[in-house]
Amino acid sequence: MRNKDRLRLAVIFLAISGIILGGISNTQSKEVPKVASEQQGSETIPENNASGRGIIAYYFHGTYRCPSCLQIEDWSFDAIRERFAPALEQGTIIWKTINIDKPENRYLVKAYQVSTQALIIVDMTGKQPKRYKNLEKVWEYLPDQQAFYDYVTQEIDRFLRGS
């Protein structure tokens, strides 16, 4: 079997695994465990944000990154940047990529129950995360960029509205 064929099979396997795992877990927004609330660091809505409320969009990834995982990261950021540019500039929405294999990120991996590539949105008030949601369907929408963008932006809109 050629290397290209092996790579294709690996990508297909990862995509199917993501879809299966996405279907198994709960897709409702969840309260953030205490471990995330206790951590201090850059997971803070900037003080120039008058409401003190905002969203952090985390893209969790491993050290090894397959083409599908890179595509999900690119499309997620592009969708957010296109639809929410003013919110990004004002700090109402913050984009962060997190390598799950680095020891300094273990508290986030544990807090948001991440074991593989994931797009997580977190509703923040100041330094306090209130709830979060794993946007697991990004794997399902990978074949359709517009559907992918729509899904990501609709979920962020819901969080910004507080619903």
N, C-alpha and C. Protein backbone atom coordinates (compact mmCIF):
# COMPACT_ATOMS: atom_id res chain seq x y z
N MET A 1 0.84 -1.17 0.00
CA MET A 1 0.00 0.00 0.00
C MET A 1 0.90 1.24 0.00
N ARG A 2 0.59 2.18 -0.86
CA ARG A 2 1.40 3.39 -0.95
C ARG A 2 1.12 4.32 0.24
N ASN A 3 2.07 5.21 0.48
CA ASN A 3 1.94 6.16 1.60
C ASN A 3 0.72 7.05 1.45
N LYS A 4 0.41 7.48 0.21
CA LYS A 4 -0.77 8.32 -0.01
C LYS A 4 -2.05 7.58 0.39
N ASP A 5 -2.12 6.30 0.02
CA ASP A 5 -3.29 5.50 0.36
C ASP A 5 -3.42 5.34 1.87
N ARG A 6 -2.30 5.12 2.55
CA ARG A 6 -2.31 5.00 4.00
C ARG A 6 -2.77 6.29 4.66
N LEU A 7 -2.28 7.41 4.15
CA LEU A 7 -2.68 8.71 4.69
C LEU A 7 -4.18 8.93 4.49
N ARG A 8 -4.69 8.62 3.31
CA ARG A 8 -6.13 8.77 3.06
C ARG A 8 -6.94 7.92 4.02
N LEU A 9 -6.53 6.67 4.23
CA LEU A 9 -7.24 5.79 5.15
C LEU A 9 -7.19 6.34 6.57
N ALA A 10 -6.06 6.89 6.97
CA ALA A 10 -5.94 7.47 8.31
C ALA A 10 -6.87 8.67 8.48
N VAL A 11 -6.94 9.52 7.47
CA VAL A 11 -7.82 10.69 7.52
C VAL A 11 -9.28 10.25 7.58
N ILE A 12 -9.64 9.29 6.76
CA ILE A 12 -11.02 8.79 6.77
C ILE A 12 -11.35 8.19 8.14
N PHE A 13 -10.43 7.40 8.68
CA PHE A 13 -10.64 6.81 9.99
C PHE A 13 -10.86 7.89 11.05
N LEU A 14 -10.03 8.93 11.04
CA LEU A 14 -10.17 10.01 12.03
C LEU A 14 -11.50 10.73 11.87
N ALA A 15 -11.90 10.99 10.64
CA ALA A 15 -13.17 11.68 10.39
C ALA A 15 -14.34 10.83 10.87
N ILE A 16 -14.32 9.54 10.55
CA ILE A 16 -15.41 8.66 10.98
C ILE A 16 -15.43 8.53 12.49
N SER A 17 -14.27 8.42 13.10
CA SER A 17 -14.19 8.34 14.57
C SER A 17 -14.78 9.59 15.20
N GLY A 18 -14.47 10.75 14.65
CA GLY A 18 -15.01 12.00 15.18
C GLY A 18 -16.52 12.05 15.07
N ILE A 19 -17.06 11.58 13.95
CA ILE A 19 -18.52 11.57 13.76
C ILE A 19 -19.17 10.61 14.75
N ILE A 20 -18.58 9.43 14.90
CA ILE A 20 -19.14 8.44 15.83
C ILE A 20 -19.09 8.97 17.26
N LEU A 21 -17.93 9.47 17.67
CA LEU A 21 -17.81 10.00 19.03
C LEU A 21 -18.73 11.19 19.24
N GLY A 22 -18.88 12.01 18.22
CA GLY A 22 -19.79 13.15 18.30
C GLY A 22 -21.21 12.72 18.51
N GLY A 23 -21.62 11.63 17.90
CA GLY A 23 -22.97 11.13 18.05
C GLY A 23 -23.22 10.50 19.40
N ILE A 24 -22.17 10.04 20.05
CA ILE A 24 -22.31 9.36 21.33
C ILE A 24 -22.46 10.35 22.48
N SER A 25 -21.71 11.43 22.45
CA SER A 25 -21.70 12.33 23.60
C SER A 25 -22.81 13.36 23.53
N ASN A 26 -23.04 14.00 24.64
CA ASN A 26 -24.08 15.00 24.78
C ASN A 26 -23.64 16.30 24.14
N THR A 27 -24.49 16.90 23.30
CA THR A 27 -24.11 18.12 22.60
C THR A 27 -24.72 19.37 23.25
N GLN A 28 -25.35 19.24 24.39
CA GLN A 28 -25.90 20.39 25.09
C GLN A 28 -24.77 21.18 25.73
N SER A 29 -25.02 22.48 25.97
CA SER A 29 -23.99 23.24 26.67
C SER A 29 -23.92 22.74 28.12
N LYS A 30 -22.73 22.83 28.67
CA LYS A 30 -22.48 22.27 29.99
C LYS A 30 -21.89 23.34 30.89
N GLU A 31 -22.10 23.17 32.19
CA GLU A 31 -21.45 24.06 33.14
C GLU A 31 -19.97 23.71 33.18
N VAL A 32 -19.16 24.71 33.41
CA VAL A 32 -17.71 24.51 33.44
C VAL A 32 -17.31 23.98 34.80
N PRO A 33 -16.54 22.89 34.83
CA PRO A 33 -16.07 22.36 36.12
C PRO A 33 -15.19 23.36 36.86
N LYS A 34 -15.11 23.20 38.17
CA LYS A 34 -14.38 24.12 39.02
C LYS A 34 -12.92 24.27 38.63
N VAL A 35 -12.30 23.22 38.08
CA VAL A 35 -10.88 23.28 37.74
C VAL A 35 -10.59 24.42 36.76
N ALA A 36 -11.48 24.68 35.82
CA ALA A 36 -11.25 25.76 34.86
C ALA A 36 -11.46 27.11 35.53
N SER A 37 -12.42 27.20 36.41
CA SER A 37 -12.70 28.47 37.08
C SER A 37 -11.57 28.88 38.01
N GLU A 38 -10.83 27.91 38.53
CA GLU A 38 -9.77 28.22 39.49
C GLU A 38 -8.48 28.64 38.80
N GLN A 39 -8.32 28.34 37.54
CA GLN A 39 -7.08 28.66 36.84
C GLN A 39 -7.04 30.14 36.49
N GLN A 40 -5.92 30.74 36.71
CA GLN A 40 -5.70 32.13 36.31
C GLN A 40 -4.86 32.12 35.05
N GLY A 41 -5.00 33.11 34.22
CA GLY A 41 -4.20 33.16 33.01
C GLY A 41 -4.85 34.04 31.98
N SER A 42 -4.62 33.70 30.74
CA SER A 42 -5.09 34.57 29.66
C SER A 42 -6.52 34.25 29.26
N GLU A 43 -7.20 33.33 29.96
CA GLU A 43 -8.58 33.03 29.64
C GLU A 43 -9.48 34.07 30.31
N THR A 44 -9.34 35.30 29.90
CA THR A 44 -10.05 36.42 30.50
C THR A 44 -10.59 37.33 29.42
N ILE A 45 -11.80 37.80 29.61
CA ILE A 45 -12.35 38.80 28.71
C ILE A 45 -11.66 40.13 29.06
N PRO A 46 -11.14 40.84 28.05
CA PRO A 46 -10.39 42.07 28.33
C PRO A 46 -11.21 43.10 29.09
N GLU A 47 -10.52 43.90 29.90
CA GLU A 47 -11.19 44.91 30.71
C GLU A 47 -11.83 46.01 29.89
N ASN A 48 -11.37 46.21 28.63
CA ASN A 48 -11.99 47.24 27.80
C ASN A 48 -13.35 46.80 27.25
N ASN A 49 -13.73 45.56 27.50
CA ASN A 49 -15.05 45.07 27.12
C ASN A 49 -16.01 45.52 28.21
N ALA A 50 -16.88 46.48 27.89
CA ALA A 50 -17.73 47.12 28.88
C ALA A 50 -18.64 46.14 29.61
N SER A 51 -19.14 45.12 28.91
CA SER A 51 -20.06 44.19 29.55
C SER A 51 -19.33 43.16 30.41
N GLY A 52 -18.03 42.96 30.14
CA GLY A 52 -17.28 41.95 30.86
C GLY A 52 -17.67 40.53 30.47
N ARG A 53 -18.48 40.42 29.44
CA ARG A 53 -18.98 39.14 28.98
C ARG A 53 -18.47 38.87 27.59
N GLY A 54 -18.21 37.62 27.30
CA GLY A 54 -17.76 37.28 25.96
C GLY A 54 -17.64 35.78 25.77
N ILE A 55 -17.06 35.43 24.64
CA ILE A 55 -16.91 34.04 24.23
C ILE A 55 -15.44 33.77 23.95
N ILE A 56 -14.96 32.64 24.43
CA ILE A 56 -13.65 32.14 24.00
C ILE A 56 -13.92 30.94 23.11
N ALA A 57 -13.34 30.96 21.92
CA ALA A 57 -13.43 29.82 21.00
C ALA A 57 -12.07 29.14 21.03
N TYR A 58 -12.04 27.93 21.58
CA TYR A 58 -10.82 27.15 21.68
C TYR A 58 -10.82 26.11 20.56
N TYR A 59 -9.71 26.02 19.85
CA TYR A 59 -9.53 24.88 18.95
C TYR A 59 -8.45 24.01 19.59
N PHE A 60 -8.85 22.85 20.08
CA PHE A 60 -7.94 21.90 20.70
C PHE A 60 -7.39 20.98 19.62
N HIS A 61 -6.09 20.73 19.67
CA HIS A 61 -5.46 19.85 18.68
C HIS A 61 -4.28 19.13 19.34
N GLY A 62 -3.86 18.06 18.70
CA GLY A 62 -2.69 17.34 19.16
C GLY A 62 -1.45 17.85 18.44
N THR A 63 -0.32 17.28 18.78
CA THR A 63 0.92 17.65 18.11
C THR A 63 0.88 17.22 16.65
N TYR A 64 0.40 16.00 16.40
CA TYR A 64 0.21 15.54 15.02
C TYR A 64 -1.11 16.08 14.53
N ARG A 65 -1.11 16.68 13.33
CA ARG A 65 -2.32 17.31 12.81
C ARG A 65 -2.59 16.81 11.40
N CYS A 66 -3.70 16.12 11.24
CA CYS A 66 -4.08 15.58 9.93
C CYS A 66 -4.68 16.71 9.08
N PRO A 67 -4.81 16.51 7.77
CA PRO A 67 -5.39 17.53 6.90
C PRO A 67 -6.80 17.95 7.31
N SER A 68 -7.62 17.01 7.75
CA SER A 68 -8.98 17.36 8.19
C SER A 68 -8.96 18.25 9.42
N CYS A 69 -8.07 17.94 10.34
CA CYS A 69 -7.97 18.74 11.56
C CYS A 69 -7.50 20.17 11.25
N LEU A 70 -6.56 20.28 10.36
CA LEU A 70 -6.09 21.61 9.94
C LEU A 70 -7.20 22.38 9.24
N GLN A 71 -8.00 21.67 8.42
CA GLN A 71 -9.11 22.31 7.71
C GLN A 71 -10.16 22.81 8.71
N ILE A 72 -10.46 22.01 9.72
CA ILE A 72 -11.43 22.44 10.73
C ILE A 72 -10.93 23.69 11.45
N GLU A 73 -9.66 23.71 11.80
CA GLU A 73 -9.11 24.90 12.46
C GLU A 73 -9.22 26.12 11.55
N ASP A 74 -8.80 25.98 10.29
CA ASP A 74 -8.83 27.10 9.35
C ASP A 74 -10.26 27.61 9.14
N TRP A 75 -11.18 26.69 8.87
CA TRP A 75 -12.56 27.11 8.61
C TRP A 75 -13.21 27.70 9.85
N SER A 76 -12.90 27.17 11.02
CA SER A 76 -13.47 27.72 12.26
C SER A 76 -13.04 29.16 12.44
N PHE A 77 -11.74 29.40 12.32
CA PHE A 77 -11.25 30.76 12.49
C PHE A 77 -11.78 31.68 11.39
N ASP A 78 -11.79 31.20 10.15
CA ASP A 78 -12.32 32.02 9.04
C ASP A 78 -13.78 32.39 9.27
N ALA A 79 -14.59 31.44 9.71
CA ALA A 79 -16.01 31.71 9.95
C ALA A 79 -16.17 32.77 11.04
N ILE A 80 -15.40 32.63 12.11
CA ILE A 80 -15.47 33.59 13.21
C ILE A 80 -14.98 34.97 12.76
N ARG A 81 -13.87 34.98 12.04
CA ARG A 81 -13.30 36.25 11.58
C ARG A 81 -14.24 36.96 10.61
N GLU A 82 -14.85 36.21 9.70
CA GLU A 82 -15.76 36.83 8.73
C GLU A 82 -17.04 37.35 9.37
N ARG A 83 -17.62 36.57 10.26
CA ARG A 83 -18.92 36.93 10.83
C ARG A 83 -18.81 37.84 12.04
N PHE A 84 -17.72 37.72 12.79
CA PHE A 84 -17.61 38.42 14.07
C PHE A 84 -16.36 39.29 14.16
N ALA A 85 -15.93 39.89 13.07
CA ALA A 85 -14.70 40.70 13.06
C ALA A 85 -14.71 41.78 14.14
N PRO A 86 -15.79 42.58 14.26
CA PRO A 86 -15.77 43.61 15.32
C PRO A 86 -15.66 43.01 16.72
N ALA A 87 -16.31 41.88 16.96
CA ALA A 87 -16.25 41.24 18.28
C ALA A 87 -14.84 40.72 18.57
N LEU A 88 -14.15 40.24 17.54
CA LEU A 88 -12.75 39.82 17.72
C LEU A 88 -11.87 41.01 18.07
N GLU A 89 -12.07 42.12 17.36
CA GLU A 89 -11.27 43.32 17.62
C GLU A 89 -11.52 43.88 19.01
N GLN A 90 -12.78 43.82 19.48
CA GLN A 90 -13.14 44.37 20.78
C GLN A 90 -12.83 43.42 21.93
N GLY A 91 -12.54 42.17 21.61
CA GLY A 91 -12.27 41.20 22.66
C GLY A 91 -13.51 40.51 23.20
N THR A 92 -14.65 40.72 22.56
CA THR A 92 -15.87 40.03 22.97
C THR A 92 -15.78 38.56 22.59
N ILE A 93 -15.05 38.27 21.51
CA ILE A 93 -14.74 36.90 21.12
C ILE A 93 -13.22 36.78 21.06
N ILE A 94 -12.72 35.71 21.67
CA ILE A 94 -11.29 35.44 21.67
C ILE A 94 -11.07 34.08 21.03
N TRP A 95 -10.11 34.00 20.11
CA TRP A 95 -9.76 32.75 19.44
C TRP A 95 -8.45 32.23 20.04
N LYS A 96 -8.44 30.96 20.42
CA LYS A 96 -7.22 30.36 20.97
C LYS A 96 -7.06 28.94 20.43
N THR A 97 -5.84 28.60 20.06
CA THR A 97 -5.53 27.22 19.72
C THR A 97 -4.76 26.62 20.88
N ILE A 98 -5.11 25.39 21.23
CA ILE A 98 -4.54 24.73 22.41
C ILE A 98 -4.04 23.35 21.99
N ASN A 99 -2.75 23.10 22.23
CA ASN A 99 -2.18 21.79 21.96
C ASN A 99 -2.45 20.90 23.19
N ILE A 100 -3.27 19.86 23.00
CA ILE A 100 -3.65 18.99 24.12
C ILE A 100 -2.50 18.15 24.65
N ASP A 101 -1.41 18.06 23.88
CA ASP A 101 -0.27 17.24 24.30
C ASP A 101 0.71 17.99 25.20
N LYS A 102 0.54 19.29 25.35
CA LYS A 102 1.45 20.07 26.19
C LYS A 102 0.99 20.04 27.64
N PRO A 103 1.91 19.78 28.56
CA PRO A 103 1.55 19.67 29.99
C PRO A 103 0.87 20.93 30.54
N GLU A 104 1.26 22.10 30.07
CA GLU A 104 0.67 23.33 30.61
C GLU A 104 -0.80 23.50 30.23
N ASN A 105 -1.30 22.67 29.30
CA ASN A 105 -2.70 22.77 28.88
C ASN A 105 -3.58 21.69 29.50
N ARG A 106 -3.03 20.88 30.38
CA ARG A 106 -3.79 19.76 30.97
C ARG A 106 -5.06 20.23 31.69
N TYR A 107 -4.99 21.37 32.37
CA TYR A 107 -6.16 21.84 33.10
C TYR A 107 -7.31 22.16 32.15
N LEU A 108 -7.01 22.69 30.97
CA LEU A 108 -8.07 22.96 29.99
C LEU A 108 -8.61 21.67 29.38
N VAL A 109 -7.72 20.73 29.10
CA VAL A 109 -8.13 19.44 28.55
C VAL A 109 -9.08 18.76 29.53
N LYS A 110 -8.74 18.80 30.81
CA LYS A 110 -9.58 18.19 31.84
C LYS A 110 -10.90 18.96 32.01
N ALA A 111 -10.81 20.27 32.07
CA ALA A 111 -12.00 21.09 32.30
C ALA A 111 -13.04 20.93 31.21
N TYR A 112 -12.58 20.83 29.97
CA TYR A 112 -13.52 20.77 28.85
C TYR A 112 -13.65 19.36 28.28
N GLN A 113 -13.11 18.38 29.01
CA GLN A 113 -13.28 16.97 28.69
C GLN A 113 -12.90 16.66 27.24
N VAL A 114 -11.72 17.11 26.86
CA VAL A 114 -11.23 16.96 25.49
C VAL A 114 -10.23 15.81 25.44
N SER A 115 -10.36 14.96 24.43
CA SER A 115 -9.39 13.89 24.26
C SER A 115 -8.81 13.87 22.86
N THR A 116 -9.35 14.70 21.99
CA THR A 116 -8.88 14.77 20.61
C THR A 116 -9.19 16.16 20.07
N GLN A 117 -9.07 16.35 18.78
CA GLN A 117 -9.34 17.64 18.17
C GLN A 117 -10.79 18.05 18.47
N ALA A 118 -10.96 19.33 18.83
CA ALA A 118 -12.30 19.80 19.17
C ALA A 118 -12.36 21.32 19.08
N LEU A 119 -13.54 21.81 18.72
CA LEU A 119 -13.83 23.24 18.77
C LEU A 119 -14.80 23.44 19.93
N ILE A 120 -14.34 24.16 20.94
CA ILE A 120 -15.12 24.39 22.16
C ILE A 120 -15.39 25.89 22.26
N ILE A 121 -16.65 26.25 22.51
CA ILE A 121 -16.95 27.65 22.79
C ILE A 121 -17.34 27.77 24.26
N VAL A 122 -16.82 28.83 24.88
CA VAL A 122 -16.99 29.03 26.32
C VAL A 122 -17.60 30.40 26.55
N ASP A 123 -18.67 30.43 27.32
CA ASP A 123 -19.34 31.67 27.72
C ASP A 123 -18.62 32.18 28.96
N MET A 124 -18.03 33.38 28.86
CA MET A 124 -17.23 33.94 29.95
C MET A 124 -17.87 35.20 30.51
N THR A 125 -17.73 35.39 31.80
CA THR A 125 -18.03 36.66 32.45
C THR A 125 -16.77 37.03 33.22
N GLY A 126 -16.04 38.00 32.68
CA GLY A 126 -14.75 38.36 33.28
C GLY A 126 -13.80 37.18 33.23
N LYS A 127 -13.36 36.74 34.39
CA LYS A 127 -12.44 35.60 34.47
C LYS A 127 -13.16 34.28 34.71
N GLN A 128 -14.46 34.32 34.76
CA GLN A 128 -15.22 33.13 35.14
C GLN A 128 -15.93 32.49 33.93
N PRO A 129 -15.53 31.26 33.58
CA PRO A 129 -16.28 30.54 32.56
C PRO A 129 -17.61 30.06 33.15
N LYS A 130 -18.70 30.27 32.42
CA LYS A 130 -20.03 29.91 32.92
C LYS A 130 -20.52 28.59 32.34
N ARG A 131 -20.38 28.45 31.04
CA ARG A 131 -20.82 27.23 30.36
C ARG A 131 -20.01 27.07 29.09
N TYR A 132 -20.07 25.87 28.53
CA TYR A 132 -19.33 25.63 27.30
C TYR A 132 -20.07 24.61 26.45
N LYS A 133 -19.67 24.55 25.19
CA LYS A 133 -20.24 23.57 24.28
C LYS A 133 -19.16 23.10 23.31
N ASN A 134 -19.10 21.79 23.14
CA ASN A 134 -18.22 21.19 22.15
C ASN A 134 -18.99 21.16 20.83
N LEU A 135 -18.48 21.86 19.82
CA LEU A 135 -19.15 21.88 18.51
C LEU A 135 -18.73 20.64 17.72
N GLU A 136 -19.26 19.52 18.16
CA GLU A 136 -18.87 18.22 17.62
C GLU A 136 -19.27 18.01 16.16
N LYS A 137 -20.26 18.73 15.70
CA LYS A 137 -20.74 18.51 14.34
C LYS A 137 -19.81 19.10 13.28
N VAL A 138 -18.72 19.74 13.68
CA VAL A 138 -17.79 20.26 12.68
C VAL A 138 -17.30 19.15 11.77
N TRP A 139 -17.17 17.93 12.32
CA TRP A 139 -16.73 16.80 11.49
C TRP A 139 -17.76 16.46 10.42
N GLU A 140 -19.04 16.56 10.78
CA GLU A 140 -20.11 16.25 9.82
C GLU A 140 -20.15 17.26 8.68
N TYR A 141 -19.84 18.50 8.98
CA TYR A 141 -19.92 19.57 7.98
C TYR A 141 -18.63 19.77 7.20
N LEU A 142 -17.64 18.95 7.45
CA LEU A 142 -16.36 19.10 6.78
C LEU A 142 -16.46 19.06 5.26
N PRO A 143 -17.35 18.27 4.67
CA PRO A 143 -17.44 18.28 3.21
C PRO A 143 -18.06 19.55 2.62
N ASP A 144 -18.72 20.38 3.45
CA ASP A 144 -19.47 21.53 2.94
C ASP A 144 -19.07 22.79 3.71
N GLN A 145 -18.22 23.62 3.12
CA GLN A 145 -17.68 24.78 3.81
C GLN A 145 -18.78 25.74 4.27
N GLN A 146 -19.78 26.00 3.45
CA GLN A 146 -20.83 26.94 3.84
C GLN A 146 -21.65 26.41 5.01
N ALA A 147 -21.98 25.12 4.98
CA ALA A 147 -22.72 24.52 6.09
C ALA A 147 -21.87 24.56 7.37
N PHE A 148 -20.58 24.33 7.21
CA PHE A 148 -19.64 24.40 8.34
C PHE A 148 -19.67 25.81 8.94
N TYR A 149 -19.51 26.84 8.10
CA TYR A 149 -19.52 28.23 8.57
C TYR A 149 -20.84 28.54 9.27
N ASP A 150 -21.95 28.12 8.65
CA ASP A 150 -23.27 28.39 9.24
C ASP A 150 -23.40 27.77 10.62
N TYR A 151 -22.96 26.52 10.75
CA TYR A 151 -23.05 25.83 12.04
C TYR A 151 -22.23 26.56 13.12
N VAL A 152 -20.99 26.88 12.81
CA VAL A 152 -20.12 27.53 13.80
C VAL A 152 -20.69 28.90 14.19
N THR A 153 -21.09 29.69 13.22
CA THR A 153 -21.57 31.05 13.54
C THR A 153 -22.91 31.02 14.25
N GLN A 154 -23.78 30.08 13.91
CA GLN A 154 -25.07 29.98 14.62
C GLN A 154 -24.88 29.60 16.08
N GLU A 155 -23.96 28.69 16.34
CA GLU A 155 -23.71 28.29 17.73
C GLU A 155 -23.10 29.44 18.52
N ILE A 156 -22.20 30.18 17.94
CA ILE A 156 -21.61 31.33 18.64
C ILE A 156 -22.67 32.40 18.85
N ASP A 157 -23.51 32.65 17.84
CA ASP A 157 -24.62 33.59 18.01
C ASP A 157 -25.49 33.22 19.21
N ARG A 158 -25.80 31.93 19.35
CA ARG A 158 -26.63 31.47 20.47
C ARG A 158 -25.95 31.79 21.80
N PHE A 159 -24.66 31.56 21.88
CA PHE A 159 -23.95 31.84 23.12
C PHE A 159 -23.90 33.34 23.39
N LEU A 160 -23.70 34.14 22.37
CA LEU A 160 -23.68 35.60 22.57
C LEU A 160 -25.02 36.12 23.05
N ARG A 161 -26.10 35.49 22.59
CA ARG A 161 -27.45 35.89 23.02
C ARG A 161 -27.79 35.31 24.39
N GLY A 162 -26.95 34.41 24.88
CA GLY A 162 -27.22 33.81 26.19
C GLY A 162 -28.18 32.65 26.14
N SER A 163 -28.43 32.12 24.95
CA SER A 163 -29.38 30.99 24.87
C SER A 163 -28.67 29.69 24.57
